[in-house]
Amino acid sequence: MRGVAKVIRGITVPPAVVAVLLILLWCMRADVIGNAADFWLSLLFLAVVPVLAYPLQRIIPVFRAQGQRGARKLAFILSFCGYTAAVVISLVRGAVPNLAYIAAVYLCSVLVLTAINVFTPWHASGHACSMVGPVALLGCFFGLPAILVGILVVALSFWASVYLKRHTVREYFLGALSPILAGVLMYPVFWPTF
């Protein structure tokens, strides 16, 4: 079972999940993204920039010395930078409101996670956030079938995280609430159309 849990955690890393979200939207609801340039820029800043943390962690001494913890810190930093760039580029390029909303939800989610992790005694799971956010967004754009499949994927991620003792139940649920809160906060700013 441990091997299965590791595989589930491995394939549900945040950059992979956002890449799947963007590819599904581009292939099945291109109106949500707008054009190819916006798709590729979103993929770059929401998926590729955050994943650079793992190779960079090995070559930046301060993060290398911290091991896995350093990799997580750098991933958080690069996620914030990538998500900020995605929002700025969406606004500068005049991206469709749905795409700007997606980028803003990602940025707001990382800010909510940071607030929880820094200003409270609790820890919120970034992995949970990166699972629930895309599932909620897919549910908004594709409806009930996406929600049902998404619930199964989130349940598997939850099981794997708790089974491997990467997160407690509370940590996972706090992380899962972060993108929901971010989505609610960003809705009146961007007024996406589902």
N, C-alpha and C. Protein backbone atom coordinates (compact mmCIF):
# COMPACT_ATOMS: atom_id res chain seq x y z
N MET A 1 0.82 -1.20 0.00
CA MET A 1 0.00 0.00 0.00
C MET A 1 0.86 1.27 0.00
N ARG A 2 2.01 1.17 0.66
CA ARG A 2 2.90 2.33 0.72
C ARG A 2 3.33 2.76 -0.68
N GLY A 3 3.63 1.80 -1.53
CA GLY A 3 4.03 2.10 -2.90
C GLY A 3 2.91 2.78 -3.68
N VAL A 4 1.69 2.32 -3.49
CA VAL A 4 0.53 2.92 -4.16
C VAL A 4 0.36 4.36 -3.68
N ALA A 5 0.48 4.58 -2.38
CA ALA A 5 0.35 5.93 -1.82
C ALA A 5 1.42 6.85 -2.38
N LYS A 6 2.65 6.36 -2.51
CA LYS A 6 3.73 7.18 -3.05
C LYS A 6 3.47 7.55 -4.51
N VAL A 7 2.95 6.61 -5.28
CA VAL A 7 2.62 6.89 -6.68
C VAL A 7 1.53 7.95 -6.76
N ILE A 8 0.51 7.83 -5.93
CA ILE A 8 -0.58 8.82 -5.92
C ILE A 8 -0.03 10.20 -5.58
N ARG A 9 0.80 10.27 -4.55
CA ARG A 9 1.40 11.57 -4.18
C ARG A 9 2.27 12.10 -5.32
N GLY A 10 3.00 11.20 -5.96
CA GLY A 10 3.90 11.62 -7.04
C GLY A 10 3.18 12.18 -8.25
N ILE A 11 2.06 11.59 -8.61
CA ILE A 11 1.36 12.08 -9.81
C ILE A 11 0.41 13.24 -9.51
N THR A 12 0.24 13.54 -8.22
CA THR A 12 -0.64 14.66 -7.87
C THR A 12 0.15 15.84 -7.31
N VAL A 13 1.39 16.00 -7.76
CA VAL A 13 2.17 17.17 -7.35
C VAL A 13 1.54 18.41 -7.98
N PRO A 14 1.60 19.55 -7.31
CA PRO A 14 0.92 20.75 -7.80
C PRO A 14 1.18 21.13 -9.26
N PRO A 15 2.44 21.13 -9.74
CA PRO A 15 2.64 21.52 -11.14
C PRO A 15 1.95 20.57 -12.13
N ALA A 16 1.91 19.28 -11.81
CA ALA A 16 1.24 18.33 -12.70
C ALA A 16 -0.27 18.57 -12.71
N VAL A 17 -0.83 18.85 -11.55
CA VAL A 17 -2.27 19.05 -11.45
C VAL A 17 -2.71 20.31 -12.19
N VAL A 18 -1.96 21.40 -12.05
CA VAL A 18 -2.34 22.63 -12.76
C VAL A 18 -2.14 22.45 -14.27
N ALA A 19 -1.14 21.69 -14.67
CA ALA A 19 -0.94 21.41 -16.10
C ALA A 19 -2.14 20.65 -16.65
N VAL A 20 -2.62 19.66 -15.91
CA VAL A 20 -3.81 18.91 -16.35
C VAL A 20 -5.01 19.84 -16.44
N LEU A 21 -5.19 20.70 -15.45
CA LEU A 21 -6.29 21.67 -15.47
C LEU A 21 -6.23 22.52 -16.74
N LEU A 22 -5.09 23.10 -17.01
CA LEU A 22 -4.96 23.98 -18.17
C LEU A 22 -5.14 23.23 -19.49
N ILE A 23 -4.59 22.04 -19.59
CA ILE A 23 -4.72 21.25 -20.82
C ILE A 23 -6.18 20.87 -21.05
N LEU A 24 -6.87 20.42 -20.01
CA LEU A 24 -8.29 20.08 -20.16
C LEU A 24 -9.11 21.29 -20.59
N LEU A 25 -8.84 22.44 -19.98
CA LEU A 25 -9.57 23.64 -20.36
C LEU A 25 -9.26 24.04 -21.79
N TRP A 26 -7.99 23.97 -22.18
CA TRP A 26 -7.61 24.36 -23.54
C TRP A 26 -8.23 23.42 -24.58
N CYS A 27 -8.25 22.14 -24.29
CA CYS A 27 -8.77 21.16 -25.25
C CYS A 27 -10.30 21.11 -25.30
N MET A 28 -10.94 21.36 -24.16
CA MET A 28 -12.39 21.16 -24.09
C MET A 28 -13.19 22.45 -23.91
N ARG A 29 -12.54 23.50 -23.43
CA ARG A 29 -13.22 24.79 -23.22
C ARG A 29 -12.24 25.92 -23.52
N ALA A 30 -11.83 26.01 -24.77
CA ALA A 30 -10.83 27.00 -25.16
C ALA A 30 -11.30 28.42 -24.83
N ASP A 31 -12.61 28.63 -24.73
CA ASP A 31 -13.12 29.97 -24.40
C ASP A 31 -12.69 30.42 -23.01
N VAL A 32 -12.34 29.47 -22.15
CA VAL A 32 -11.91 29.81 -20.79
C VAL A 32 -10.52 30.42 -20.82
N ILE A 33 -9.70 30.02 -21.78
CA ILE A 33 -8.32 30.48 -21.84
C ILE A 33 -8.14 31.60 -22.86
N GLY A 34 -8.78 31.52 -23.96
CA GLY A 34 -8.73 32.62 -24.94
C GLY A 34 -7.89 32.34 -26.16
N ASN A 35 -6.58 32.19 -26.00
CA ASN A 35 -5.73 31.97 -27.17
C ASN A 35 -4.49 31.15 -26.77
N ALA A 36 -3.77 30.70 -27.78
CA ALA A 36 -2.62 29.82 -27.54
C ALA A 36 -1.53 30.50 -26.72
N ALA A 37 -1.27 31.77 -26.98
CA ALA A 37 -0.22 32.47 -26.22
C ALA A 37 -0.57 32.50 -24.73
N ASP A 38 -1.83 32.79 -24.41
CA ASP A 38 -2.23 32.82 -23.00
C ASP A 38 -2.16 31.43 -22.38
N PHE A 39 -2.49 30.40 -23.15
CA PHE A 39 -2.37 29.03 -22.65
C PHE A 39 -0.91 28.72 -22.28
N TRP A 40 0.02 29.00 -23.21
CA TRP A 40 1.42 28.67 -22.98
C TRP A 40 2.02 29.50 -21.86
N LEU A 41 1.65 30.78 -21.78
CA LEU A 41 2.15 31.62 -20.69
C LEU A 41 1.62 31.14 -19.34
N SER A 42 0.36 30.75 -19.31
CA SER A 42 -0.22 30.23 -18.06
C SER A 42 0.46 28.94 -17.66
N LEU A 43 0.69 28.07 -18.62
CA LEU A 43 1.37 26.81 -18.33
C LEU A 43 2.78 27.08 -17.79
N LEU A 44 3.46 28.04 -18.39
CA LEU A 44 4.81 28.39 -17.94
C LEU A 44 4.80 28.88 -16.50
N PHE A 45 3.95 29.85 -16.19
CA PHE A 45 4.00 30.48 -14.87
C PHE A 45 3.27 29.73 -13.77
N LEU A 46 2.25 28.96 -14.13
CA LEU A 46 1.52 28.22 -13.10
C LEU A 46 2.08 26.81 -12.87
N ALA A 47 2.74 26.24 -13.88
CA ALA A 47 3.24 24.86 -13.74
C ALA A 47 4.76 24.75 -13.81
N VAL A 48 5.38 25.35 -14.81
CA VAL A 48 6.81 25.15 -15.02
C VAL A 48 7.65 25.89 -13.98
N VAL A 49 7.35 27.16 -13.73
CA VAL A 49 8.15 27.92 -12.75
C VAL A 49 8.15 27.24 -11.38
N PRO A 50 6.98 26.82 -10.84
CA PRO A 50 7.02 26.14 -9.53
C PRO A 50 7.84 24.84 -9.52
N VAL A 51 7.81 24.08 -10.61
CA VAL A 51 8.53 22.81 -10.62
C VAL A 51 10.05 23.02 -10.70
N LEU A 52 10.48 24.20 -11.10
CA LEU A 52 11.91 24.49 -11.14
C LEU A 52 12.54 24.46 -9.75
N ALA A 53 11.71 24.52 -8.72
CA ALA A 53 12.23 24.48 -7.34
C ALA A 53 13.05 23.22 -7.10
N TYR A 54 12.65 22.11 -7.67
CA TYR A 54 13.31 20.85 -7.36
C TYR A 54 14.71 20.75 -7.95
N PRO A 55 14.94 21.11 -9.22
CA PRO A 55 16.34 21.12 -9.66
C PRO A 55 17.15 22.26 -9.05
N LEU A 56 16.51 23.43 -8.86
CA LEU A 56 17.23 24.56 -8.28
C LEU A 56 17.63 24.30 -6.83
N GLN A 57 16.83 23.56 -6.10
CA GLN A 57 17.13 23.26 -4.70
C GLN A 57 18.47 22.54 -4.57
N ARG A 58 18.80 21.74 -5.56
CA ARG A 58 20.04 20.97 -5.52
C ARG A 58 21.28 21.83 -5.77
N ILE A 59 21.08 23.03 -6.38
CA ILE A 59 22.25 23.84 -6.70
C ILE A 59 22.34 25.15 -5.89
N ILE A 60 21.28 25.50 -5.17
CA ILE A 60 21.32 26.69 -4.32
C ILE A 60 21.68 26.23 -2.91
N PRO A 61 22.87 26.58 -2.43
CA PRO A 61 23.38 26.03 -1.17
C PRO A 61 22.44 26.14 0.03
N VAL A 62 21.82 27.29 0.23
CA VAL A 62 20.99 27.46 1.42
C VAL A 62 19.79 26.50 1.41
N PHE A 63 19.23 26.23 0.25
CA PHE A 63 18.10 25.30 0.15
C PHE A 63 18.57 23.85 0.11
N ARG A 64 19.73 23.62 -0.50
CA ARG A 64 20.28 22.26 -0.55
C ARG A 64 20.57 21.76 0.86
N ALA A 65 21.10 22.63 1.71
CA ALA A 65 21.44 22.25 3.08
C ALA A 65 20.21 21.86 3.90
N GLN A 66 19.04 22.33 3.51
CA GLN A 66 17.81 22.04 4.25
C GLN A 66 17.11 20.77 3.76
N GLY A 67 17.63 20.15 2.72
CA GLY A 67 17.05 18.91 2.21
C GLY A 67 15.63 19.10 1.69
N GLN A 68 14.75 18.14 2.03
CA GLN A 68 13.36 18.17 1.55
C GLN A 68 12.63 19.43 2.01
N ARG A 69 12.94 19.88 3.22
CA ARG A 69 12.31 21.10 3.73
C ARG A 69 12.71 22.30 2.86
N GLY A 70 13.96 22.35 2.44
CA GLY A 70 14.42 23.42 1.56
C GLY A 70 13.73 23.37 0.21
N ALA A 71 13.50 22.16 -0.30
CA ALA A 71 12.79 22.01 -1.57
C ALA A 71 11.37 22.54 -1.45
N ARG A 72 10.70 22.25 -0.34
CA ARG A 72 9.33 22.75 -0.13
C ARG A 72 9.30 24.27 -0.02
N LYS A 73 10.27 24.83 0.71
CA LYS A 73 10.34 26.30 0.85
C LYS A 73 10.54 26.96 -0.52
N LEU A 74 11.49 26.42 -1.28
CA LEU A 74 11.77 27.00 -2.59
C LEU A 74 10.57 26.83 -3.52
N ALA A 75 9.88 25.71 -3.44
CA ALA A 75 8.68 25.49 -4.25
C ALA A 75 7.61 26.53 -3.90
N PHE A 76 7.48 26.83 -2.62
CA PHE A 76 6.52 27.84 -2.18
C PHE A 76 6.89 29.21 -2.74
N ILE A 77 8.17 29.55 -2.67
CA ILE A 77 8.65 30.85 -3.17
C ILE A 77 8.44 30.95 -4.68
N LEU A 78 8.83 29.91 -5.41
CA LEU A 78 8.69 29.95 -6.86
C LEU A 78 7.22 29.90 -7.28
N SER A 79 6.39 29.21 -6.49
CA SER A 79 4.95 29.22 -6.78
C SER A 79 4.41 30.64 -6.65
N PHE A 80 4.76 31.31 -5.57
CA PHE A 80 4.31 32.69 -5.37
C PHE A 80 4.77 33.57 -6.54
N CYS A 81 6.03 33.44 -6.93
CA CYS A 81 6.56 34.25 -8.04
C CYS A 81 5.86 33.91 -9.36
N GLY A 82 5.70 32.62 -9.63
CA GLY A 82 5.05 32.21 -10.87
C GLY A 82 3.59 32.64 -10.91
N TYR A 83 2.88 32.46 -9.81
CA TYR A 83 1.46 32.82 -9.77
C TYR A 83 1.29 34.33 -9.89
N THR A 84 2.18 35.09 -9.25
CA THR A 84 2.12 36.55 -9.37
C THR A 84 2.33 36.96 -10.82
N ALA A 85 3.33 36.37 -11.46
CA ALA A 85 3.60 36.67 -12.87
C ALA A 85 2.40 36.30 -13.74
N ALA A 86 1.74 35.18 -13.44
CA ALA A 86 0.57 34.76 -14.23
C ALA A 86 -0.55 35.79 -14.12
N VAL A 87 -0.78 36.31 -12.92
CA VAL A 87 -1.82 37.33 -12.74
C VAL A 87 -1.45 38.60 -13.49
N VAL A 88 -0.21 39.06 -13.31
CA VAL A 88 0.22 40.29 -13.96
C VAL A 88 0.13 40.16 -15.48
N ILE A 89 0.61 39.06 -16.01
CA ILE A 89 0.58 38.87 -17.46
C ILE A 89 -0.86 38.76 -17.97
N SER A 90 -1.72 38.10 -17.20
CA SER A 90 -3.13 38.02 -17.59
C SER A 90 -3.74 39.41 -17.69
N LEU A 91 -3.42 40.26 -16.72
CA LEU A 91 -3.98 41.61 -16.73
C LEU A 91 -3.37 42.47 -17.84
N VAL A 92 -2.05 42.38 -18.01
CA VAL A 92 -1.37 43.17 -19.03
C VAL A 92 -1.82 42.77 -20.43
N ARG A 93 -1.98 41.49 -20.65
CA ARG A 93 -2.38 40.99 -21.97
C ARG A 93 -3.89 41.09 -22.21
N GLY A 94 -4.64 41.47 -21.19
CA GLY A 94 -6.09 41.56 -21.35
C GLY A 94 -6.71 40.18 -21.54
N ALA A 95 -6.21 39.21 -20.79
CA ALA A 95 -6.73 37.84 -20.91
C ALA A 95 -8.21 37.80 -20.55
N VAL A 96 -8.89 36.78 -21.05
CA VAL A 96 -10.31 36.63 -20.74
C VAL A 96 -10.46 36.54 -19.22
N PRO A 97 -11.57 37.05 -18.67
CA PRO A 97 -11.74 37.06 -17.22
C PRO A 97 -11.58 35.68 -16.57
N ASN A 98 -11.99 34.62 -17.25
CA ASN A 98 -11.87 33.29 -16.66
C ASN A 98 -10.42 32.91 -16.40
N LEU A 99 -9.54 33.21 -17.33
CA LEU A 99 -8.13 32.87 -17.16
C LEU A 99 -7.49 33.74 -16.08
N ALA A 100 -7.83 35.02 -16.08
CA ALA A 100 -7.32 35.90 -15.03
C ALA A 100 -7.81 35.43 -13.66
N TYR A 101 -9.05 34.96 -13.61
CA TYR A 101 -9.62 34.43 -12.36
C TYR A 101 -8.84 33.21 -11.88
N ILE A 102 -8.54 32.29 -12.79
CA ILE A 102 -7.79 31.08 -12.43
C ILE A 102 -6.42 31.47 -11.85
N ALA A 103 -5.72 32.36 -12.54
CA ALA A 103 -4.40 32.79 -12.05
C ALA A 103 -4.52 33.46 -10.68
N ALA A 104 -5.55 34.30 -10.52
CA ALA A 104 -5.74 35.00 -9.24
C ALA A 104 -6.09 34.03 -8.12
N VAL A 105 -6.87 33.00 -8.43
CA VAL A 105 -7.21 32.00 -7.41
C VAL A 105 -5.94 31.27 -6.96
N TYR A 106 -5.06 30.96 -7.90
CA TYR A 106 -3.80 30.31 -7.52
C TYR A 106 -2.96 31.22 -6.62
N LEU A 107 -2.85 32.48 -7.00
CA LEU A 107 -2.06 33.42 -6.19
C LEU A 107 -2.69 33.62 -4.82
N CYS A 108 -3.99 33.82 -4.78
CA CYS A 108 -4.68 34.02 -3.50
C CYS A 108 -4.56 32.77 -2.62
N SER A 109 -4.62 31.60 -3.24
CA SER A 109 -4.49 30.35 -2.49
C SER A 109 -3.15 30.26 -1.77
N VAL A 110 -2.07 30.62 -2.47
CA VAL A 110 -0.75 30.55 -1.84
C VAL A 110 -0.64 31.60 -0.73
N LEU A 111 -1.31 32.72 -0.89
CA LEU A 111 -1.31 33.74 0.17
C LEU A 111 -2.10 33.25 1.40
N VAL A 112 -3.23 32.59 1.16
CA VAL A 112 -4.01 32.04 2.28
C VAL A 112 -3.20 30.96 3.00
N LEU A 113 -2.56 30.07 2.23
CA LEU A 113 -1.71 29.03 2.84
C LEU A 113 -0.60 29.66 3.68
N THR A 114 0.03 30.68 3.13
CA THR A 114 1.11 31.35 3.86
C THR A 114 0.58 31.96 5.14
N ALA A 115 -0.56 32.61 5.07
CA ALA A 115 -1.14 33.23 6.26
C ALA A 115 -1.43 32.19 7.34
N ILE A 116 -2.00 31.06 6.94
CA ILE A 116 -2.30 30.00 7.90
C ILE A 116 -1.00 29.47 8.52
N ASN A 117 -0.03 29.20 7.67
CA ASN A 117 1.21 28.57 8.13
C ASN A 117 2.10 29.51 8.95
N VAL A 118 1.99 30.81 8.71
CA VAL A 118 2.84 31.76 9.42
C VAL A 118 2.14 32.35 10.65
N PHE A 119 0.86 32.64 10.54
CA PHE A 119 0.18 33.39 11.59
C PHE A 119 -0.72 32.56 12.50
N THR A 120 -0.77 31.26 12.29
CA THR A 120 -1.56 30.40 13.18
C THR A 120 -0.67 29.27 13.67
N PRO A 121 -1.10 28.56 14.69
CA PRO A 121 -0.30 27.43 15.17
C PRO A 121 -0.47 26.18 14.28
N TRP A 122 -1.32 26.28 13.27
CA TRP A 122 -1.60 25.12 12.43
C TRP A 122 -0.79 25.15 11.14
N HIS A 123 -0.79 24.05 10.46
CA HIS A 123 -0.13 23.92 9.17
C HIS A 123 -1.19 23.51 8.15
N ALA A 124 -1.22 24.18 7.01
CA ALA A 124 -2.16 23.84 5.95
C ALA A 124 -1.39 23.14 4.83
N SER A 125 -1.97 22.10 4.29
CA SER A 125 -1.33 21.29 3.26
C SER A 125 -1.38 21.96 1.89
N GLY A 126 -0.20 22.23 1.33
CA GLY A 126 -0.14 22.75 -0.03
C GLY A 126 -0.59 21.72 -1.04
N HIS A 127 -0.34 20.47 -0.74
CA HIS A 127 -0.77 19.39 -1.62
C HIS A 127 -2.30 19.35 -1.71
N ALA A 128 -2.97 19.49 -0.58
CA ALA A 128 -4.44 19.51 -0.58
C ALA A 128 -4.95 20.71 -1.36
N CYS A 129 -4.33 21.85 -1.14
CA CYS A 129 -4.72 23.06 -1.85
C CYS A 129 -4.60 22.86 -3.36
N SER A 130 -3.50 22.24 -3.77
CA SER A 130 -3.26 22.05 -5.20
C SER A 130 -4.16 20.99 -5.81
N MET A 131 -4.81 20.20 -5.00
CA MET A 131 -5.78 19.22 -5.51
C MET A 131 -7.19 19.80 -5.55
N VAL A 132 -7.61 20.41 -4.46
CA VAL A 132 -8.98 20.89 -4.34
C VAL A 132 -9.24 22.09 -5.25
N GLY A 133 -8.26 22.99 -5.37
CA GLY A 133 -8.45 24.16 -6.24
C GLY A 133 -8.78 23.79 -7.67
N PRO A 134 -7.95 22.98 -8.33
CA PRO A 134 -8.26 22.59 -9.71
C PRO A 134 -9.56 21.80 -9.84
N VAL A 135 -9.84 20.94 -8.86
CA VAL A 135 -11.10 20.18 -8.92
C VAL A 135 -12.28 21.14 -8.84
N ALA A 136 -12.21 22.12 -7.95
CA ALA A 136 -13.29 23.10 -7.85
C ALA A 136 -13.42 23.90 -9.14
N LEU A 137 -12.29 24.30 -9.72
CA LEU A 137 -12.33 25.04 -10.98
C LEU A 137 -12.89 24.19 -12.12
N LEU A 138 -12.46 22.94 -12.19
CA LEU A 138 -13.02 22.05 -13.22
C LEU A 138 -14.51 21.86 -13.02
N GLY A 139 -14.93 21.75 -11.76
CA GLY A 139 -16.36 21.64 -11.47
C GLY A 139 -17.13 22.86 -11.94
N CYS A 140 -16.55 24.05 -11.75
CA CYS A 140 -17.20 25.28 -12.21
C CYS A 140 -17.35 25.29 -13.73
N PHE A 141 -16.34 24.83 -14.45
CA PHE A 141 -16.36 24.91 -15.90
C PHE A 141 -16.98 23.70 -16.59
N PHE A 142 -17.00 22.54 -15.92
CA PHE A 142 -17.52 21.32 -16.56
C PHE A 142 -18.71 20.70 -15.84
N GLY A 143 -19.01 21.17 -14.65
CA GLY A 143 -20.19 20.69 -13.95
C GLY A 143 -19.99 19.42 -13.14
N LEU A 144 -21.12 18.77 -12.86
CA LEU A 144 -21.17 17.63 -11.95
C LEU A 144 -20.24 16.47 -12.32
N PRO A 145 -20.13 16.07 -13.60
CA PRO A 145 -19.21 14.96 -13.90
C PRO A 145 -17.77 15.23 -13.45
N ALA A 146 -17.31 16.46 -13.64
CA ALA A 146 -15.95 16.80 -13.22
C ALA A 146 -15.84 16.78 -11.70
N ILE A 147 -16.88 17.22 -11.03
CA ILE A 147 -16.87 17.23 -9.57
C ILE A 147 -16.79 15.80 -9.03
N LEU A 148 -17.56 14.89 -9.62
CA LEU A 148 -17.57 13.50 -9.15
C LEU A 148 -16.22 12.84 -9.34
N VAL A 149 -15.62 13.02 -10.52
CA VAL A 149 -14.28 12.46 -10.76
C VAL A 149 -13.27 13.14 -9.83
N GLY A 150 -13.42 14.45 -9.67
CA GLY A 150 -12.51 15.20 -8.81
C GLY A 150 -12.56 14.76 -7.36
N ILE A 151 -13.75 14.46 -6.87
CA ILE A 151 -13.89 13.99 -5.48
C ILE A 151 -13.11 12.69 -5.29
N LEU A 152 -13.18 11.81 -6.27
CA LEU A 152 -12.43 10.55 -6.19
C LEU A 152 -10.93 10.81 -6.14
N VAL A 153 -10.45 11.72 -7.00
CA VAL A 153 -9.02 12.03 -7.05
C VAL A 153 -8.57 12.69 -5.73
N VAL A 154 -9.38 13.62 -5.21
CA VAL A 154 -9.05 14.27 -3.95
C VAL A 154 -9.04 13.25 -2.81
N ALA A 155 -10.01 12.32 -2.82
CA ALA A 155 -10.06 11.29 -1.77
C ALA A 155 -8.79 10.42 -1.81
N LEU A 156 -8.34 10.07 -3.00
CA LEU A 156 -7.11 9.28 -3.12
C LEU A 156 -5.90 10.07 -2.62
N SER A 157 -5.85 11.35 -2.97
CA SER A 157 -4.76 12.20 -2.51
C SER A 157 -4.79 12.34 -0.99
N PHE A 158 -5.97 12.52 -0.44
CA PHE A 158 -6.14 12.61 1.02
C PHE A 158 -5.63 11.34 1.69
N TRP A 159 -6.08 10.20 1.18
CA TRP A 159 -5.67 8.92 1.75
C TRP A 159 -4.14 8.77 1.70
N ALA A 160 -3.55 9.07 0.53
CA ALA A 160 -2.10 8.91 0.37
C ALA A 160 -1.34 9.83 1.32
N SER A 161 -1.79 11.06 1.46
CA SER A 161 -1.11 12.03 2.32
C SER A 161 -1.16 11.60 3.79
N VAL A 162 -2.33 11.16 4.23
CA VAL A 162 -2.48 10.74 5.62
C VAL A 162 -1.78 9.41 5.86
N TYR A 163 -1.91 8.48 4.92
CA TYR A 163 -1.28 7.16 5.05
C TYR A 163 0.24 7.28 5.16
N LEU A 164 0.82 8.16 4.35
CA LEU A 164 2.28 8.35 4.37
C LEU A 164 2.73 9.29 5.48
N LYS A 165 1.77 9.79 6.24
CA LYS A 165 2.04 10.69 7.36
C LYS A 165 2.72 11.99 6.90
N ARG A 166 2.39 12.41 5.69
CA ARG A 166 2.88 13.69 5.20
C ARG A 166 2.04 14.83 5.77
N HIS A 167 0.77 14.52 6.04
CA HIS A 167 -0.15 15.50 6.61
C HIS A 167 -1.12 14.81 7.55
N THR A 168 -1.61 15.58 8.51
CA THR A 168 -2.70 15.09 9.35
C THR A 168 -4.01 15.41 8.66
N VAL A 169 -5.09 14.88 9.20
CA VAL A 169 -6.41 15.17 8.64
C VAL A 169 -6.67 16.68 8.70
N ARG A 170 -6.37 17.31 9.83
CA ARG A 170 -6.59 18.75 9.96
C ARG A 170 -5.77 19.53 8.95
N GLU A 171 -4.51 19.19 8.77
CA GLU A 171 -3.66 19.89 7.81
C GLU A 171 -4.22 19.78 6.40
N TYR A 172 -4.70 18.59 6.06
CA TYR A 172 -5.25 18.39 4.72
C TYR A 172 -6.51 19.23 4.53
N PHE A 173 -7.39 19.24 5.53
CA PHE A 173 -8.62 20.01 5.40
C PHE A 173 -8.37 21.51 5.38
N LEU A 174 -7.41 21.99 6.17
CA LEU A 174 -7.06 23.41 6.12
C LEU A 174 -6.54 23.78 4.73
N GLY A 175 -5.70 22.92 4.17
CA GLY A 175 -5.21 23.15 2.82
C GLY A 175 -6.32 23.11 1.80
N ALA A 176 -7.28 22.21 1.99
CA ALA A 176 -8.40 22.09 1.06
C ALA A 176 -9.32 23.31 1.10
N LEU A 177 -9.42 23.93 2.26
CA LEU A 177 -10.27 25.13 2.39
C LEU A 177 -9.64 26.35 1.74
N SER A 178 -8.32 26.38 1.63
CA SER A 178 -7.61 27.55 1.11
C SER A 178 -8.05 27.95 -0.30
N PRO A 179 -8.10 27.03 -1.28
CA PRO A 179 -8.52 27.46 -2.62
C PRO A 179 -10.00 27.81 -2.70
N ILE A 180 -10.81 27.18 -1.84
CA ILE A 180 -12.23 27.53 -1.82
C ILE A 180 -12.40 28.98 -1.37
N LEU A 181 -11.70 29.34 -0.29
CA LEU A 181 -11.73 30.72 0.20
C LEU A 181 -11.18 31.66 -0.88
N ALA A 182 -10.08 31.27 -1.51
CA ALA A 182 -9.48 32.10 -2.57
C ALA A 182 -10.46 32.30 -3.72
N GLY A 183 -11.15 31.23 -4.11
CA GLY A 183 -12.13 31.33 -5.20
C GLY A 183 -13.26 32.28 -4.88
N VAL A 184 -13.74 32.22 -3.65
CA VAL A 184 -14.82 33.12 -3.21
C VAL A 184 -14.32 34.57 -3.19
N LEU A 185 -13.12 34.79 -2.67
CA LEU A 185 -12.57 36.14 -2.59
C LEU A 185 -12.30 36.75 -3.97
N MET A 186 -11.86 35.94 -4.91
CA MET A 186 -11.49 36.46 -6.23
C MET A 186 -12.68 36.58 -7.18
N TYR A 187 -13.78 35.90 -6.88
CA TYR A 187 -14.94 35.94 -7.79
C TYR A 187 -15.43 37.37 -8.05
N PRO A 188 -15.68 38.18 -7.02
CA PRO A 188 -16.18 39.53 -7.30
C PRO A 188 -15.13 40.47 -7.91
N VAL A 189 -13.89 40.05 -7.92
CA VAL A 189 -12.83 40.88 -8.53
C VAL A 189 -12.80 40.65 -10.04
N PHE A 190 -12.97 39.39 -10.48
CA PHE A 190 -12.80 39.05 -11.90
C PHE A 190 -14.11 38.67 -12.60
N TRP A 191 -15.14 38.35 -11.87
CA TRP A 191 -16.43 37.94 -12.43
C TRP A 191 -16.30 36.94 -13.58
N PRO A 192 -15.75 35.76 -13.28
CA PRO A 192 -15.63 34.75 -14.34
C PRO A 192 -17.02 34.27 -14.76
N THR A 193 -17.11 33.76 -15.97
CA THR A 193 -18.38 33.19 -16.44
C THR A 193 -18.20 31.70 -16.59
N PHE A 194 -19.02 30.96 -15.91
CA PHE A 194 -18.92 29.50 -15.96
C PHE A 194 -19.97 28.98 -16.92
